[in-house]
Amino acid sequence: LSLLHWLHDFPWLRPYRNIHLNVISYDSLGVE
């Protein structure tokens, strides 16, 4: 899987608004 290291607290907070920009291009077959 892909691993996303989120610098913020649990992402219900405002920063998670941009999570789709960070996640949308992840490679589901690689570990990064």
ModelCIF file with pLDDT and N, C-alpha, C, O atoms, coordinates in Angstrom:
data_MODEL
#
_entry.id   MODEL 
#
_entity.id                         1 
_entity.type                       polymer 
_entity.pdbx_number_of_molecules   1 
#
_entity_poly.entity_id                      1 
_entity_poly.type                           'polypeptide(L)' 
_entity_poly.nstd_linkage                   no 
_entity_poly.nstd_monomer                   no 
_entity_poly.pdbx_seq_one_letter_code       LSLLHWLHDFPWLRPYRNIHLNVISYDSLGVE 
_entity_poly.pdbx_seq_one_letter_code_can   LSLLHWLHDFPWLRPYRNIHLNVISYDSLGVE 
_entity_poly.pdbx_strand_id                 A 
#
loop_
_entity_poly_seq.entity_id 
_entity_poly_seq.num 
_entity_poly_seq.mon_id 
_entity_poly_seq.hetero 
1 1  LEU n 
1 2  SER n 
1 3  LEU n 
1 4  LEU n 
1 5  HIS n 
1 6  TRP n 
1 7  LEU n 
1 8  HIS n 
1 9  ASP n 
1 10 PHE n 
1 11 PRO n 
1 12 TRP n 
1 13 LEU n 
1 14 ARG n 
1 15 PRO n 
1 16 TYR n 
1 17 ARG n 
1 18 ASN n 
1 19 ILE n 
1 20 HIS n 
1 21 LEU n 
1 22 ASN n 
1 23 VAL n 
1 24 ILE n 
1 25 SER n 
1 26 TYR n 
1 27 ASP n 
1 28 SER n 
1 29 LEU n 
1 30 GLY n 
1 31 VAL n 
1 32 GLU n 
#
_struct_asym.id          A 
_struct_asym.entity_id   1 
#
loop_
_ma_qa_metric.id 
_ma_qa_metric.mode 
_ma_qa_metric.name 
_ma_qa_metric.software_group_id 
_ma_qa_metric.type 
1 global pLDDT . pLDDT 
2 local  pLDDT . pLDDT 
#
_ma_qa_metric_global.metric_id      1 
_ma_qa_metric_global.metric_value   49.34 
_ma_qa_metric_global.model_id       1 
_ma_qa_metric_global.ordinal_id     1 
#
loop_
_ma_qa_metric_local.label_asym_id 
_ma_qa_metric_local.label_comp_id 
_ma_qa_metric_local.label_seq_id 
_ma_qa_metric_local.metric_id 
_ma_qa_metric_local.metric_value 
_ma_qa_metric_local.model_id 
_ma_qa_metric_local.ordinal_id 
A LEU 1  2 63.00 1 1  
A SER 2  2 58.00 1 2  
A LEU 3  2 60.00 1 3  
A LEU 4  2 57.00 1 4  
A HIS 5  2 52.00 1 5  
A TRP 6  2 53.00 1 6  
A LEU 7  2 50.00 1 7  
A HIS 8  2 51.00 1 8  
A ASP 9  2 51.00 1 9  
A PHE 10 2 51.00 1 10 
A PRO 11 2 47.00 1 11 
A TRP 12 2 46.00 1 12 
A LEU 13 2 43.00 1 13 
A ARG 14 2 48.00 1 14 
A PRO 15 2 46.00 1 15 
A TYR 16 2 48.00 1 16 
A ARG 17 2 51.00 1 17 
A ASN 18 2 52.00 1 18 
A ILE 19 2 53.00 1 19 
A HIS 20 2 51.00 1 20 
A LEU 21 2 46.00 1 21 
A ASN 22 2 50.00 1 22 
A VAL 23 2 53.00 1 23 
A ILE 24 2 46.00 1 24 
A SER 25 2 46.00 1 25 
A TYR 26 2 48.00 1 26 
A ASP 27 2 44.00 1 27 
A SER 28 2 44.00 1 28 
A LEU 29 2 41.00 1 29 
A GLY 30 2 45.00 1 30 
A VAL 31 2 41.00 1 31 
A GLU 32 2 44.00 1 32 
#
loop_
_atom_site.group_PDB 
_atom_site.id 
_atom_site.type_symbol 
_atom_site.label_atom_id 
_atom_site.label_alt_id 
_atom_site.label_comp_id 
_atom_site.label_asym_id 
_atom_site.label_entity_id 
_atom_site.label_seq_id 
_atom_site.pdbx_PDB_ins_code 
_atom_site.Cartn_x 
_atom_site.Cartn_y 
_atom_site.Cartn_z 
_atom_site.occupancy 
_atom_site.B_iso_or_equiv 
_atom_site.pdbx_formal_charge 
_atom_site.auth_seq_id 
_atom_site.auth_comp_id 
_atom_site.auth_asym_id 
_atom_site.auth_atom_id 
_atom_site.pdbx_PDB_model_num 
ATOM 1   N N  . LEU A 1 1  ? 0.836   -1.182 0.000  1.00 63.00 ? 1  LEU A N  1 
ATOM 2   C CA . LEU A 1 1  ? 0.000   0.000  0.000  1.00 63.00 ? 1  LEU A CA 1 
ATOM 3   C C  . LEU A 1 1  ? 0.877   1.240  0.000  1.00 63.00 ? 1  LEU A C  1 
ATOM 4   O O  . LEU A 1 1  ? 2.102   1.151  0.084  1.00 63.00 ? 1  LEU A O  1 
ATOM 5   N N  . SER A 1 2  ? 0.235   2.394  -0.095 1.00 58.00 ? 2  SER A N  1 
ATOM 6   C CA . SER A 1 2  ? 0.939   3.659  0.030  1.00 58.00 ? 2  SER A CA 1 
ATOM 7   C C  . SER A 1 2  ? 0.711   4.210  1.430  1.00 58.00 ? 2  SER A C  1 
ATOM 8   O O  . SER A 1 2  ? -0.363  4.041  2.007  1.00 58.00 ? 2  SER A O  1 
ATOM 9   N N  . LEU A 1 3  ? 1.717   4.863  1.963  1.00 60.00 ? 3  LEU A N  1 
ATOM 10  C CA . LEU A 1 3  ? 1.653   5.432  3.297  1.00 60.00 ? 3  LEU A CA 1 
ATOM 11  C C  . LEU A 1 3  ? 1.756   6.946  3.193  1.00 60.00 ? 3  LEU A C  1 
ATOM 12  O O  . LEU A 1 3  ? 2.669   7.477  2.560  1.00 60.00 ? 3  LEU A O  1 
ATOM 13  N N  . LEU A 1 4  ? 0.824   7.624  3.811  1.00 57.00 ? 4  LEU A N  1 
ATOM 14  C CA . LEU A 1 4  ? 0.863   9.074  3.841  1.00 57.00 ? 4  LEU A CA 1 
ATOM 15  C C  . LEU A 1 4  ? 1.141   9.520  5.265  1.00 57.00 ? 4  LEU A C  1 
ATOM 16  O O  . LEU A 1 4  ? 0.371   9.229  6.179  1.00 57.00 ? 4  LEU A O  1 
ATOM 17  N N  . HIS A 1 5  ? 2.242   10.224 5.445  1.00 52.00 ? 5  HIS A N  1 
ATOM 18  C CA . HIS A 1 5  ? 2.658   10.685 6.764  1.00 52.00 ? 5  HIS A CA 1 
ATOM 19  C C  . HIS A 1 5  ? 2.090   12.079 6.969  1.00 52.00 ? 5  HIS A C  1 
ATOM 20  O O  . HIS A 1 5  ? 2.599   13.058 6.424  1.00 52.00 ? 5  HIS A O  1 
ATOM 21  N N  . TRP A 1 6  ? 1.021   12.155 7.767  1.00 53.00 ? 6  TRP A N  1 
ATOM 22  C CA . TRP A 1 6  ? 0.280   13.404 7.961  1.00 53.00 ? 6  TRP A CA 1 
ATOM 23  C C  . TRP A 1 6  ? 0.840   14.158 9.162  1.00 53.00 ? 6  TRP A C  1 
ATOM 24  O O  . TRP A 1 6  ? 0.858   13.634 10.276 1.00 53.00 ? 6  TRP A O  1 
ATOM 25  N N  . LEU A 1 7  ? 1.295   15.381 8.936  1.00 50.00 ? 7  LEU A N  1 
ATOM 26  C CA . LEU A 1 7  ? 1.956   16.132 10.001 1.00 50.00 ? 7  LEU A CA 1 
ATOM 27  C C  . LEU A 1 7  ? 0.986   16.695 11.018 1.00 50.00 ? 7  LEU A C  1 
ATOM 28  O O  . LEU A 1 7  ? 1.398   17.113 12.100 1.00 50.00 ? 7  LEU A O  1 
ATOM 29  N N  . HIS A 1 8  ? -0.307  16.714 10.686 1.00 51.00 ? 8  HIS A N  1 
ATOM 30  C CA . HIS A 1 8  ? -1.302  17.326 11.561 1.00 51.00 ? 8  HIS A CA 1 
ATOM 31  C C  . HIS A 1 8  ? -1.967  16.263 12.435 1.00 51.00 ? 8  HIS A C  1 
ATOM 32  O O  . HIS A 1 8  ? -1.715  15.066 12.294 1.00 51.00 ? 8  HIS A O  1 
ATOM 33  N N  . ASP A 1 9  ? -2.834  16.745 13.352 1.00 51.00 ? 9  ASP A N  1 
ATOM 34  C CA . ASP A 1 9  ? -3.606  15.825 14.168 1.00 51.00 ? 9  ASP A CA 1 
ATOM 35  C C  . ASP A 1 9  ? -4.674  15.163 13.309 1.00 51.00 ? 9  ASP A C  1 
ATOM 36  O O  . ASP A 1 9  ? -4.724  15.355 12.094 1.00 51.00 ? 9  ASP A O  1 
ATOM 37  N N  . PHE A 1 10 ? -5.524  14.385 13.959 1.00 51.00 ? 10 PHE A N  1 
ATOM 38  C CA . PHE A 1 10 ? -6.545  13.618 13.248 1.00 51.00 ? 10 PHE A CA 1 
ATOM 39  C C  . PHE A 1 10 ? -7.248  14.499 12.227 1.00 51.00 ? 10 PHE A C  1 
ATOM 40  O O  . PHE A 1 10 ? -7.781  15.548 12.591 1.00 51.00 ? 10 PHE A O  1 
ATOM 41  N N  . PRO A 1 11 ? -7.263  14.100 10.954 1.00 47.00 ? 11 PRO A N  1 
ATOM 42  C CA . PRO A 1 11 ? -7.587  15.034 9.874  1.00 47.00 ? 11 PRO A CA 1 
ATOM 43  C C  . PRO A 1 11 ? -9.063  15.342 9.676  1.00 47.00 ? 11 PRO A C  1 
ATOM 44  O O  . PRO A 1 11 ? -9.519  15.448 8.538  1.00 47.00 ? 11 PRO A O  1 
ATOM 45  N N  . TRP A 1 12 ? -9.839  15.491 10.788 1.00 46.00 ? 12 TRP A N  1 
ATOM 46  C CA . TRP A 1 12 ? -11.149 16.102 10.620 1.00 46.00 ? 12 TRP A CA 1 
ATOM 47  C C  . TRP A 1 12 ? -10.983 17.622 10.606 1.00 46.00 ? 12 TRP A C  1 
ATOM 48  O O  . TRP A 1 12 ? -11.899 18.348 10.219 1.00 46.00 ? 12 TRP A O  1 
ATOM 49  N N  . LEU A 1 13 ? -9.808  18.100 11.031 1.00 43.00 ? 13 LEU A N  1 
ATOM 50  C CA . LEU A 1 13 ? -9.584  19.523 11.151 1.00 43.00 ? 13 LEU A CA 1 
ATOM 51  C C  . LEU A 1 13 ? -9.317  20.152 9.792  1.00 43.00 ? 13 LEU A C  1 
ATOM 52  O O  . LEU A 1 13 ? -9.194  19.450 8.788  1.00 43.00 ? 13 LEU A O  1 
ATOM 53  N N  . ARG A 1 14 ? -9.228  21.462 9.766  1.00 48.00 ? 14 ARG A N  1 
ATOM 54  C CA . ARG A 1 14 ? -9.131  22.187 8.504  1.00 48.00 ? 14 ARG A CA 1 
ATOM 55  C C  . ARG A 1 14 ? -8.062  21.685 7.542  1.00 48.00 ? 14 ARG A C  1 
ATOM 56  O O  . ARG A 1 14 ? -8.336  21.639 6.342  1.00 48.00 ? 14 ARG A O  1 
ATOM 57  N N  . PRO A 1 15 ? -6.850  21.300 7.987  1.00 46.00 ? 15 PRO A N  1 
ATOM 58  C CA . PRO A 1 15 ? -5.835  20.888 7.007  1.00 46.00 ? 15 PRO A CA 1 
ATOM 59  C C  . PRO A 1 15 ? -6.279  19.746 6.118  1.00 46.00 ? 15 PRO A C  1 
ATOM 60  O O  . PRO A 1 15 ? -5.746  19.593 5.019  1.00 46.00 ? 15 PRO A O  1 
ATOM 61  N N  . TYR A 1 16 ? -7.236  18.937 6.552  1.00 48.00 ? 16 TYR A N  1 
ATOM 62  C CA . TYR A 1 16 ? -7.591  17.770 5.747  1.00 48.00 ? 16 TYR A CA 1 
ATOM 63  C C  . TYR A 1 16 ? -8.399  18.174 4.513  1.00 48.00 ? 16 TYR A C  1 
ATOM 64  O O  . TYR A 1 16 ? -8.714  17.329 3.675  1.00 48.00 ? 16 TYR A O  1 
ATOM 65  N N  . ARG A 1 17 ? -8.741  19.481 4.396  1.00 51.00 ? 17 ARG A N  1 
ATOM 66  C CA . ARG A 1 17 ? -9.407  19.926 3.169  1.00 51.00 ? 17 ARG A CA 1 
ATOM 67  C C  . ARG A 1 17 ? -8.544  19.640 1.946  1.00 51.00 ? 17 ARG A C  1 
ATOM 68  O O  . ARG A 1 17 ? -9.057  19.380 0.857  1.00 51.00 ? 17 ARG A O  1 
ATOM 69  N N  . ASN A 1 18 ? -7.226  19.689 2.136  1.00 52.00 ? 18 ASN A N  1 
ATOM 70  C CA . ASN A 1 18 ? -6.313  19.489 1.019  1.00 52.00 ? 18 ASN A CA 1 
ATOM 71  C C  . ASN A 1 18 ? -5.879  18.039 0.851  1.00 52.00 ? 18 ASN A C  1 
ATOM 72  O O  . ASN A 1 18 ? -5.023  17.737 0.020  1.00 52.00 ? 18 ASN A O  1 
ATOM 73  N N  . ILE A 1 19 ? -6.462  17.149 1.632  1.00 53.00 ? 19 ILE A N  1 
ATOM 74  C CA . ILE A 1 19 ? -5.995  15.767 1.605  1.00 53.00 ? 19 ILE A CA 1 
ATOM 75  C C  . ILE A 1 19 ? -6.209  15.145 0.228  1.00 53.00 ? 19 ILE A C  1 
ATOM 76  O O  . ILE A 1 19 ? -5.417  14.308 -0.206 1.00 53.00 ? 19 ILE A O  1 
ATOM 77  N N  . HIS A 1 20 ? -7.292  15.557 -0.469 1.00 51.00 ? 20 HIS A N  1 
ATOM 78  C CA . HIS A 1 20 ? -7.539  14.972 -1.786 1.00 51.00 ? 20 HIS A CA 1 
ATOM 79  C C  . HIS A 1 20 ? -6.452  15.343 -2.770 1.00 51.00 ? 20 HIS A C  1 
ATOM 80  O O  . HIS A 1 20 ? -6.179  14.582 -3.698 1.00 51.00 ? 20 HIS A O  1 
ATOM 81  N N  . LEU A 1 21 ? -5.818  16.502 -2.590 1.00 46.00 ? 21 LEU A N  1 
ATOM 82  C CA . LEU A 1 21 ? -4.734  16.909 -3.478 1.00 46.00 ? 21 LEU A CA 1 
ATOM 83  C C  . LEU A 1 21 ? -3.488  16.062 -3.249 1.00 46.00 ? 21 LEU A C  1 
ATOM 84  O O  . LEU A 1 21 ? -2.708  15.826 -4.172 1.00 46.00 ? 21 LEU A O  1 
ATOM 85  N N  . ASN A 1 22 ? -3.307  15.604 -2.006 1.00 50.00 ? 22 ASN A N  1 
ATOM 86  C CA . ASN A 1 22 ? -2.131  14.829 -1.654 1.00 50.00 ? 22 ASN A CA 1 
ATOM 87  C C  . ASN A 1 22 ? -2.302  13.341 -1.939 1.00 50.00 ? 22 ASN A C  1 
ATOM 88  O O  . ASN A 1 22 ? -1.330  12.641 -2.223 1.00 50.00 ? 22 ASN A O  1 
ATOM 89  N N  . VAL A 1 23 ? -3.527  12.867 -1.863 1.00 53.00 ? 23 VAL A N  1 
ATOM 90  C CA . VAL A 1 23 ? -3.787  11.432 -1.943 1.00 53.00 ? 23 VAL A CA 1 
ATOM 91  C C  . VAL A 1 23 ? -4.148  10.983 -3.352 1.00 53.00 ? 23 VAL A C  1 
ATOM 92  O O  . VAL A 1 23 ? -3.918  9.828  -3.711 1.00 53.00 ? 23 VAL A O  1 
ATOM 93  N N  . ILE A 1 24 ? -4.703  11.873 -4.145 1.00 46.00 ? 24 ILE A N  1 
ATOM 94  C CA . ILE A 1 24 ? -5.344  11.459 -5.385 1.00 46.00 ? 24 ILE A CA 1 
ATOM 95  C C  . ILE A 1 24 ? -4.389  10.756 -6.341 1.00 46.00 ? 24 ILE A C  1 
ATOM 96  O O  . ILE A 1 24 ? -4.829  9.958  -7.168 1.00 46.00 ? 24 ILE A O  1 
ATOM 97  N N  . SER A 1 25 ? -3.080  11.036 -6.244 1.00 46.00 ? 25 SER A N  1 
ATOM 98  C CA . SER A 1 25 ? -2.134  10.431 -7.184 1.00 46.00 ? 25 SER A CA 1 
ATOM 99  C C  . SER A 1 25 ? -1.323  9.298  -6.568 1.00 46.00 ? 25 SER A C  1 
ATOM 100 O O  . SER A 1 25 ? -0.309  8.883  -7.130 1.00 46.00 ? 25 SER A O  1 
ATOM 101 N N  . TYR A 1 26 ? -1.765  8.792  -5.411 1.00 48.00 ? 26 TYR A N  1 
ATOM 102 C CA . TYR A 1 26 ? -0.966  7.760  -4.757 1.00 48.00 ? 26 TYR A CA 1 
ATOM 103 C C  . TYR A 1 26 ? -0.934  6.491  -5.591 1.00 48.00 ? 26 TYR A C  1 
ATOM 104 O O  . TYR A 1 26 ? -1.863  6.194  -6.343 1.00 48.00 ? 26 TYR A O  1 
ATOM 105 N N  . ASP A 1 27 ? 0.167   5.744  -5.439 1.00 44.00 ? 27 ASP A N  1 
ATOM 106 C CA . ASP A 1 27 ? 0.340   4.495  -6.169 1.00 44.00 ? 27 ASP A CA 1 
ATOM 107 C C  . ASP A 1 27 ? -0.055  3.357  -5.265 1.00 44.00 ? 27 ASP A C  1 
ATOM 108 O O  . ASP A 1 27 ? 0.656   3.054  -4.307 1.00 44.00 ? 27 ASP A O  1 
ATOM 109 N N  . SER A 1 28 ? -1.176  2.719  -5.548 1.00 44.00 ? 28 SER A N  1 
ATOM 110 C CA . SER A 1 28 ? -1.687  1.678  -4.653 1.00 44.00 ? 28 SER A CA 1 
ATOM 111 C C  . SER A 1 28 ? -0.879  0.392  -4.712 1.00 44.00 ? 28 SER A C  1 
ATOM 112 O O  . SER A 1 28 ? -1.119  -0.518 -3.919 1.00 44.00 ? 28 SER A O  1 
ATOM 113 N N  . LEU A 1 29 ? 0.064   0.299  -5.625 1.00 41.00 ? 29 LEU A N  1 
ATOM 114 C CA . LEU A 1 29 ? 0.882   -0.906 -5.724 1.00 41.00 ? 29 LEU A CA 1 
ATOM 115 C C  . LEU A 1 29 ? 2.276   -0.714 -5.145 1.00 41.00 ? 29 LEU A C  1 
ATOM 116 O O  . LEU A 1 29 ? 3.043   -1.673 -5.056 1.00 41.00 ? 29 LEU A O  1 
ATOM 117 N N  . GLY A 1 30 ? 2.617   0.503  -4.752 1.00 45.00 ? 30 GLY A N  1 
ATOM 118 C CA . GLY A 1 30 ? 3.947   0.771  -4.215 1.00 45.00 ? 30 GLY A CA 1 
ATOM 119 C C  . GLY A 1 30 ? 3.866   1.192  -2.772 1.00 45.00 ? 30 GLY A C  1 
ATOM 120 O O  . GLY A 1 30 ? 2.796   1.558  -2.285 1.00 45.00 ? 30 GLY A O  1 
ATOM 121 N N  . VAL A 1 31 ? 4.992   1.142  -2.082 1.00 41.00 ? 31 VAL A N  1 
ATOM 122 C CA . VAL A 1 31 ? 5.054   1.571  -0.696 1.00 41.00 ? 31 VAL A CA 1 
ATOM 123 C C  . VAL A 1 31 ? 5.922   2.820  -0.647 1.00 41.00 ? 31 VAL A C  1 
ATOM 124 O O  . VAL A 1 31 ? 7.139   2.751  -0.820 1.00 41.00 ? 31 VAL A O  1 
ATOM 125 N N  . GLU A 1 32 ? 5.306   3.924  -0.418 1.00 44.00 ? 32 GLU A N  1 
ATOM 126 C CA . GLU A 1 32 ? 6.034   5.189  -0.450 1.00 44.00 ? 32 GLU A CA 1 
ATOM 127 C C  . GLU A 1 32 ? 5.637   6.043  0.744  1.00 44.00 ? 32 GLU A C  1 
ATOM 128 O O  . GLU A 1 32 ? 6.141   7.155  0.902  1.00 44.00 ? 32 GLU A O  1 
#
